[in-house]
Amino acid sequence: MTRLLSLKTYICILLLMAVGCKGVSQEKEEATVNEEEQTETFQVVKSEEEWHKELTDIQYYVLRKAGTENPGSSDLLNNKMAGTYVCAGCGTALFSSAYKFDSGTGWPSFDREIEGNVAFDVDYKIGYKRTEEHCAVCGGHLGHVFDDGPRETTGQRHCINGAALRFVPSEQ
């Protein structure tokens, strides 16, 4: 009888544990972050229609849809003149020609940005973590920054879509 009682007790405990334990391996965690808190605000804000009117198709694709132009397709890739690279969307100065270098990647590359004018965010669009760059004034997507730039300077490579930029030559 004691053996039967302990077997019944054991089975009851197992059943209670099975029913009482909540399996969570297949549940997805719901995001509880308020969407307004995640949205960045920028000084220059325009409707999609306004951006479409002001930008070329490739500029709109890169700046507003976070697209990437084809490597080697930018006229700015081999530009060697002194000046400033500004946002094609709002004209904010982003990169100095003094910090441009040939990375061999097919996109204009710089070893540093003009501080305060470029903002950074994390991007997982291709399955792994990258640091995305965008204009701090209008939010336009510029490209990504990597840690494989010239070691004698910053060690960074700001890999930027030429379509996101406009070049303003120096007034020398």
Protein backbone atom coordinates (compact mmCIF):
# COMPACT_ATOMS: atom_id res chain seq x y z
CA MET A 1 0.00 0.00 0.00
CA THR A 2 2.80 2.43 0.85
CA ARG A 3 4.44 1.61 -2.43
CA LEU A 4 1.17 2.27 -4.28
CA LEU A 5 0.67 5.54 -2.42
CA SER A 6 4.16 6.73 -3.20
CA LEU A 7 3.69 5.78 -6.89
CA LYS A 8 0.39 7.71 -6.99
CA THR A 9 2.04 10.66 -5.23
CA TYR A 10 4.95 10.55 -7.67
CA ILE A 11 2.59 10.50 -10.69
CA CYS A 12 0.52 13.36 -9.26
CA ILE A 13 3.63 15.45 -8.70
CA LEU A 14 4.79 14.78 -12.27
CA LEU A 15 1.37 15.71 -13.68
CA LEU A 16 1.27 18.91 -11.62
CA MET A 17 4.75 19.83 -12.80
CA ALA A 18 3.86 19.14 -16.43
CA VAL A 19 0.69 21.21 -16.24
CA GLY A 20 2.19 23.90 -14.06
CA CYS A 21 5.32 24.50 -16.13
CA LYS A 22 4.82 26.97 -18.91
CA GLY A 23 6.81 26.07 -22.00
CA VAL A 24 8.26 29.20 -23.57
CA SER A 25 10.63 27.82 -26.16
CA GLN A 26 8.23 28.51 -29.04
CA GLU A 27 6.88 31.83 -27.78
CA LYS A 28 8.03 35.08 -29.32
CA GLU A 29 8.74 38.00 -27.08
CA GLU A 30 6.51 40.95 -27.88
CA ALA A 31 8.23 44.28 -28.33
CA THR A 32 7.01 46.67 -25.68
CA VAL A 33 9.00 49.69 -26.80
CA ASN A 34 6.86 52.61 -27.83
CA GLU A 35 7.38 53.25 -31.56
CA GLU A 36 7.53 57.02 -30.96
CA GLU A 37 10.50 56.54 -28.63
CA GLN A 38 12.43 54.72 -31.37
CA THR A 39 11.78 57.32 -34.07
CA GLU A 40 14.59 59.83 -34.47
CA THR A 41 13.66 63.41 -35.21
CA PHE A 42 15.66 65.46 -37.68
CA GLN A 43 15.96 69.20 -38.40
CA VAL A 44 14.99 68.68 -42.04
CA VAL A 45 11.72 66.80 -42.42
CA LYS A 46 9.93 66.36 -45.74
CA SER A 47 7.19 64.16 -47.09
CA GLU A 48 8.04 61.24 -49.35
CA GLU A 49 6.49 63.20 -52.21
CA GLU A 50 8.78 66.19 -51.52
CA TRP A 51 11.86 63.93 -51.39
CA HIS A 52 10.80 62.31 -54.68
CA LYS A 53 10.55 65.72 -56.37
CA GLU A 54 13.94 66.94 -55.11
CA LEU A 55 16.09 63.84 -55.57
CA THR A 56 17.02 61.74 -58.58
CA ASP A 57 15.80 58.13 -58.58
CA ILE A 58 19.15 56.76 -57.34
CA GLN A 59 19.48 59.48 -54.68
CA TYR A 60 15.99 58.72 -53.43
CA TYR A 61 16.70 54.98 -53.39
CA VAL A 62 19.93 55.41 -51.41
CA LEU A 63 19.03 58.30 -49.08
CA ARG A 64 15.38 57.54 -48.32
CA LYS A 65 15.15 53.75 -48.80
CA ALA A 66 18.62 52.85 -47.43
CA GLY A 67 19.63 51.37 -50.76
CA THR A 68 23.12 50.75 -52.09
CA GLU A 69 24.39 51.93 -55.45
CA ASN A 70 26.42 49.59 -57.64
CA PRO A 71 30.14 49.62 -56.88
CA GLY A 72 32.17 51.76 -59.26
CA SER A 73 29.09 53.65 -60.48
CA SER A 74 29.66 56.97 -58.71
CA ASP A 75 31.30 59.92 -60.47
CA LEU A 76 32.68 60.91 -57.05
CA LEU A 77 34.66 57.69 -56.65
CA ASN A 78 37.79 59.00 -58.42
CA ASN A 79 37.34 62.68 -57.57
CA LYS A 80 40.69 64.07 -56.37
CA MET A 81 39.74 67.76 -56.03
CA ALA A 82 39.88 69.58 -52.69
CA GLY A 83 36.52 70.35 -51.16
CA THR A 84 33.67 69.05 -49.08
CA TYR A 85 31.23 66.22 -49.65
CA VAL A 86 27.76 67.31 -48.56
CA CYS A 87 24.47 65.45 -48.16
CA ALA A 88 22.66 65.30 -51.51
CA GLY A 89 19.39 65.62 -49.61
CA CYS A 90 19.94 68.66 -47.42
CA GLY A 91 23.42 70.06 -48.13
CA THR A 92 24.96 69.32 -44.72
CA ALA A 93 28.77 69.03 -44.83
CA LEU A 94 29.60 65.36 -44.10
CA PHE A 95 33.14 64.54 -45.26
CA SER A 96 36.27 66.50 -46.17
CA SER A 97 38.27 65.58 -49.26
CA ALA A 98 41.35 65.66 -46.98
CA TYR A 99 40.10 62.39 -45.42
CA LYS A 100 39.15 60.60 -48.63
CA PHE A 101 41.18 57.55 -49.69
CA ASP A 102 41.03 54.82 -52.31
CA SER A 103 39.76 51.73 -50.51
CA GLY A 104 39.49 49.64 -53.66
CA THR A 105 35.88 48.77 -52.78
CA GLY A 106 34.13 50.74 -55.53
CA TRP A 107 32.56 53.31 -53.19
CA PRO A 108 33.91 56.68 -52.02
CA SER A 109 35.70 56.07 -48.72
CA PHE A 110 36.80 58.37 -45.92
CA ASP A 111 38.73 57.68 -42.72
CA ARG A 112 36.59 60.08 -40.67
CA GLU A 113 33.43 62.17 -40.83
CA ILE A 114 32.80 65.81 -40.00
CA GLU A 115 31.88 65.35 -36.34
CA GLY A 116 28.32 66.05 -35.37
CA ASN A 117 26.99 65.88 -38.93
CA VAL A 118 26.92 62.10 -39.32
CA ALA A 119 24.86 59.86 -37.05
CA PHE A 120 25.28 56.14 -36.52
CA ASP A 121 22.91 53.23 -35.98
CA VAL A 122 23.10 49.43 -35.88
CA ASP A 123 22.00 47.58 -39.02
CA TYR A 124 21.26 43.82 -39.23
CA LYS A 125 19.79 43.87 -42.77
CA ILE A 126 22.20 41.29 -44.21
CA GLY A 127 22.23 38.98 -41.22
CA TYR A 128 25.06 40.40 -39.15
CA LYS A 129 25.74 43.58 -37.22
CA ARG A 130 27.00 46.61 -39.16
CA THR A 131 27.24 50.28 -38.25
CA GLU A 132 25.03 52.32 -40.56
CA GLU A 133 25.70 56.00 -41.18
CA HIS A 134 23.09 58.63 -41.91
CA CYS A 135 22.95 62.40 -42.19
CA ALA A 136 22.34 63.82 -38.71
CA VAL A 137 20.26 66.67 -40.17
CA CYS A 138 17.83 64.92 -42.59
CA GLY A 139 18.30 61.23 -41.72
CA GLY A 140 19.38 60.26 -45.24
CA HIS A 141 21.17 56.89 -45.45
CA LEU A 142 24.83 57.33 -46.44
CA GLY A 143 26.49 53.92 -46.10
CA HIS A 144 28.36 52.00 -43.40
CA VAL A 145 31.53 52.38 -41.35
CA PHE A 146 33.98 49.50 -40.94
CA ASP A 147 37.16 49.01 -38.91
CA ASP A 148 39.36 48.12 -41.90
CA GLY A 149 40.51 51.60 -42.90
CA PRO A 150 44.04 53.06 -42.92
CA ARG A 151 45.80 52.09 -39.69
CA GLU A 152 48.05 55.16 -39.83
CA THR A 153 44.98 57.39 -39.31
CA THR A 154 41.72 56.31 -37.65
CA GLY A 155 41.56 52.69 -38.81
CA GLN A 156 38.04 53.36 -40.04
CA ARG A 157 36.56 53.12 -43.52
CA HIS A 158 33.41 55.12 -44.04
CA CYS A 159 32.06 53.34 -47.12
CA ILE A 160 29.64 55.89 -48.60
CA ASN A 161 27.25 55.76 -51.53
CA GLY A 162 28.27 58.49 -53.97
CA ALA A 163 24.58 59.03 -54.76
CA ALA A 164 24.11 60.24 -51.17
CA LEU A 165 26.72 62.97 -51.69
CA ARG A 166 27.23 66.16 -53.62
CA PHE A 167 30.75 67.61 -53.97
CA VAL A 168 31.44 71.28 -53.23
CA PRO A 169 34.93 72.31 -54.43
CA SER A 170 37.12 74.52 -52.21
CA GLU A 171 37.26 78.22 -53.10
CA GLN A 172 41.08 78.41 -53.36
